Amino acid sequence: MTDGVATGVRYAAIGVEFAAIIVIAVVIGYRLDQWLGTAPFLMLLLTAGGFVGALRRLLWSLKRDTSEHNSP
C-alpha cells in the first residue's frame, strides 16, 4: 500500500469511528428512554456525551498521527 492510500484509509477509519461512537450513544439513550419513560432526556444527554467523547478521540488520534509523522 502506498503512503497516500494508507493515510486515506487511516483517516477514513477515524471518521467511521467518530460516527459510530455518536450512533451508539444515540441508540443507547433511545433504548434507555423507552425503558425508563424519560424521553427524550437520556437520548439528548448521551448524544451530547457521545459527541464530546468522539471529539476527544478524534483529536487524540490526529495528535498521535501528527506526532508520528513529525518524529525524526
N, C-alpha and C. Protein backbone atom coordinates (compact mmCIF):
# COMPACT_ATOMS: atom_id res chain seq x y z
N MET A 1 0.85 -1.18 0.00
CA MET A 1 0.00 0.00 0.00
C MET A 1 0.89 1.24 0.00
N THR A 2 0.57 2.20 -0.83
CA THR A 2 1.36 3.42 -0.85
C THR A 2 1.03 4.26 0.38
N ASP A 3 1.92 5.19 0.65
CA ASP A 3 1.76 6.03 1.85
C ASP A 3 0.48 6.85 1.79
N GLY A 4 0.13 7.35 0.61
CA GLY A 4 -1.10 8.15 0.48
C GLY A 4 -2.36 7.34 0.70
N VAL A 5 -2.37 6.13 0.20
CA VAL A 5 -3.53 5.26 0.39
C VAL A 5 -3.66 4.88 1.86
N ALA A 6 -2.54 4.55 2.49
CA ALA A 6 -2.55 4.18 3.91
C ALA A 6 -3.06 5.34 4.76
N THR A 7 -2.65 6.54 4.44
CA THR A 7 -3.11 7.71 5.17
C THR A 7 -4.61 7.91 4.97
N GLY A 8 -5.08 7.75 3.74
CA GLY A 8 -6.51 7.88 3.46
C GLY A 8 -7.34 6.85 4.20
N VAL A 9 -6.86 5.62 4.24
CA VAL A 9 -7.58 4.56 4.95
C VAL A 9 -7.61 4.86 6.45
N ARG A 10 -6.50 5.34 6.99
CA ARG A 10 -6.44 5.67 8.42
C ARG A 10 -7.43 6.78 8.76
N TYR A 11 -7.48 7.82 7.94
CA TYR A 11 -8.42 8.92 8.22
C TYR A 11 -9.87 8.50 8.00
N ALA A 12 -10.12 7.61 7.05
CA ALA A 12 -11.48 7.09 6.86
C ALA A 12 -11.91 6.29 8.08
N ALA A 13 -10.99 5.51 8.63
CA ALA A 13 -11.29 4.73 9.83
C ALA A 13 -11.59 5.65 11.02
N ILE A 14 -10.87 6.74 11.12
CA ILE A 14 -11.13 7.70 12.20
C ILE A 14 -12.52 8.31 12.04
N GLY A 15 -12.92 8.61 10.80
CA GLY A 15 -14.25 9.16 10.55
C GLY A 15 -15.36 8.17 10.88
N VAL A 16 -15.16 6.90 10.52
CA VAL A 16 -16.15 5.88 10.83
C VAL A 16 -16.25 5.70 12.34
N GLU A 17 -15.12 5.71 13.02
CA GLU A 17 -15.12 5.58 14.48
C GLU A 17 -15.86 6.75 15.13
N PHE A 18 -15.64 7.96 14.63
CA PHE A 18 -16.31 9.15 15.15
C PHE A 18 -17.83 9.00 15.03
N ALA A 19 -18.28 8.60 13.85
CA ALA A 19 -19.72 8.43 13.63
C ALA A 19 -20.29 7.29 14.46
N ALA A 20 -19.55 6.20 14.57
CA ALA A 20 -20.03 5.03 15.31
C ALA A 20 -20.23 5.35 16.79
N ILE A 21 -19.32 6.10 17.37
CA ILE A 21 -19.44 6.47 18.79
C ILE A 21 -20.73 7.25 19.02
N ILE A 22 -21.02 8.19 18.13
CA ILE A 22 -22.23 9.01 18.29
C ILE A 22 -23.48 8.17 18.07
N VAL A 23 -23.49 7.33 17.05
CA VAL A 23 -24.66 6.49 16.77
C VAL A 23 -24.93 5.54 17.93
N ILE A 24 -23.90 4.93 18.47
CA ILE A 24 -24.08 4.02 19.60
C ILE A 24 -24.65 4.76 20.80
N ALA A 25 -24.15 5.97 21.06
CA ALA A 25 -24.68 6.76 22.18
C ALA A 25 -26.15 7.10 21.97
N VAL A 26 -26.54 7.45 20.75
CA VAL A 26 -27.94 7.77 20.46
C VAL A 26 -28.83 6.55 20.66
N VAL A 27 -28.40 5.41 20.18
CA VAL A 27 -29.20 4.19 20.30
C VAL A 27 -29.35 3.79 21.77
N ILE A 28 -28.28 3.84 22.53
CA ILE A 28 -28.36 3.51 23.95
C ILE A 28 -29.29 4.48 24.67
N GLY A 29 -29.16 5.77 24.39
CA GLY A 29 -30.03 6.76 25.00
C GLY A 29 -31.49 6.56 24.64
N TYR A 30 -31.75 6.23 23.39
CA TYR A 30 -33.12 5.99 22.93
C TYR A 30 -33.72 4.78 23.66
N ARG A 31 -32.95 3.71 23.72
CA ARG A 31 -33.44 2.49 24.39
C ARG A 31 -33.67 2.73 25.89
N LEU A 32 -32.76 3.45 26.53
CA LEU A 32 -32.95 3.76 27.95
C LEU A 32 -34.18 4.63 28.16
N ASP A 33 -34.41 5.59 27.27
CA ASP A 33 -35.60 6.42 27.37
C ASP A 33 -36.87 5.60 27.22
N GLN A 34 -36.87 4.64 26.31
CA GLN A 34 -38.03 3.76 26.15
C GLN A 34 -38.26 2.94 27.41
N TRP A 35 -37.20 2.41 27.96
CA TRP A 35 -37.29 1.53 29.12
C TRP A 35 -37.71 2.29 30.38
N LEU A 36 -37.14 3.50 30.57
CA LEU A 36 -37.40 4.27 31.78
C LEU A 36 -38.53 5.29 31.62
N GLY A 37 -38.98 5.53 30.40
CA GLY A 37 -40.04 6.51 30.16
C GLY A 37 -39.59 7.94 30.39
N THR A 38 -38.36 8.24 30.04
CA THR A 38 -37.80 9.58 30.26
C THR A 38 -37.55 10.34 28.97
N ALA A 39 -38.19 9.95 27.88
CA ALA A 39 -37.92 10.54 26.56
C ALA A 39 -38.08 12.05 26.60
N PRO A 40 -37.24 12.78 25.94
CA PRO A 40 -36.04 12.46 25.18
C PRO A 40 -34.76 12.77 25.96
N PHE A 41 -34.84 12.86 27.26
CA PHE A 41 -33.73 13.39 28.06
C PHE A 41 -32.46 12.55 28.00
N LEU A 42 -32.56 11.26 28.19
CA LEU A 42 -31.35 10.44 28.18
C LEU A 42 -30.74 10.36 26.78
N MET A 43 -31.59 10.34 25.76
CA MET A 43 -31.05 10.32 24.40
C MET A 43 -30.27 11.61 24.12
N LEU A 44 -30.82 12.74 24.52
CA LEU A 44 -30.11 14.00 24.31
C LEU A 44 -28.82 14.06 25.13
N LEU A 45 -28.88 13.59 26.37
CA LEU A 45 -27.71 13.61 27.23
C LEU A 45 -26.62 12.70 26.69
N LEU A 46 -26.98 11.49 26.30
CA LEU A 46 -25.98 10.57 25.76
C LEU A 46 -25.48 10.99 24.38
N THR A 47 -26.33 11.64 23.60
CA THR A 47 -25.87 12.15 22.31
C THR A 47 -24.79 13.21 22.51
N ALA A 48 -25.03 14.13 23.44
CA ALA A 48 -24.03 15.16 23.74
C ALA A 48 -22.76 14.53 24.30
N GLY A 49 -22.93 13.58 25.20
CA GLY A 49 -21.76 12.89 25.75
C GLY A 49 -21.00 12.11 24.70
N GLY A 50 -21.73 11.45 23.81
CA GLY A 50 -21.08 10.72 22.73
C GLY A 50 -20.33 11.63 21.79
N PHE A 51 -20.89 12.80 21.51
CA PHE A 51 -20.22 13.77 20.65
C PHE A 51 -18.93 14.26 21.29
N VAL A 52 -18.99 14.57 22.59
CA VAL A 52 -17.79 15.03 23.30
C VAL A 52 -16.74 13.92 23.32
N GLY A 53 -17.16 12.70 23.62
CA GLY A 53 -16.23 11.58 23.62
C GLY A 53 -15.63 11.32 22.25
N ALA A 54 -16.44 11.39 21.21
CA ALA A 54 -15.95 11.18 19.85
C ALA A 54 -14.98 12.28 19.44
N LEU A 55 -15.26 13.50 19.83
CA LEU A 55 -14.37 14.61 19.51
C LEU A 55 -13.03 14.46 20.23
N ARG A 56 -13.07 14.05 21.49
CA ARG A 56 -11.82 13.80 22.22
C ARG A 56 -11.01 12.71 21.55
N ARG A 57 -11.68 11.63 21.14
CA ARG A 57 -11.00 10.52 20.47
C ARG A 57 -10.42 10.98 19.13
N LEU A 58 -11.16 11.79 18.39
CA LEU A 58 -10.69 12.31 17.11
C LEU A 58 -9.44 13.16 17.30
N LEU A 59 -9.49 14.09 18.25
CA LEU A 59 -8.34 14.96 18.48
C LEU A 59 -7.13 14.18 18.96
N TRP A 60 -7.35 13.16 19.82
CA TRP A 60 -6.25 12.33 20.29
C TRP A 60 -5.62 11.57 19.12
N SER A 61 -6.46 11.02 18.26
CA SER A 61 -5.95 10.27 17.11
C SER A 61 -5.16 11.16 16.16
N LEU A 62 -5.68 12.33 15.89
CA LEU A 62 -4.98 13.25 14.99
C LEU A 62 -3.67 13.74 15.59
N LYS A 63 -3.67 13.99 16.90
CA LYS A 63 -2.44 14.42 17.57
C LYS A 63 -1.40 13.31 17.51
N ARG A 64 -1.82 12.08 17.74
CA ARG A 64 -0.91 10.94 17.69
C ARG A 64 -0.35 10.76 16.28
N ASP A 65 -1.21 10.86 15.27
CA ASP A 65 -0.76 10.71 13.89
C ASP A 65 0.22 11.81 13.49
N THR A 66 -0.05 13.02 13.94
CA THR A 66 0.81 14.15 13.63
C THR A 66 2.18 13.98 14.30
N SER A 67 2.19 13.54 15.55
CA SER A 67 3.46 13.38 16.25
C SER A 67 4.27 12.22 15.66
N GLU A 68 3.60 11.18 15.14
CA GLU A 68 4.32 10.08 14.49
C GLU A 68 4.99 10.54 13.21
N HIS A 69 4.36 11.43 12.48
CA HIS A 69 4.94 11.91 11.22
C HIS A 69 6.02 12.95 11.44
N ASN A 70 6.00 13.65 12.56
CA ASN A 70 6.99 14.69 12.81
C ASN A 70 8.18 14.18 13.59
N SER A 71 8.16 12.93 14.06
CA SER A 71 9.29 12.41 14.81
C SER A 71 10.43 12.08 13.85
N PRO A 72 11.67 12.31 14.28
CA PRO A 72 12.83 12.09 13.38
C PRO A 72 13.13 10.64 13.12
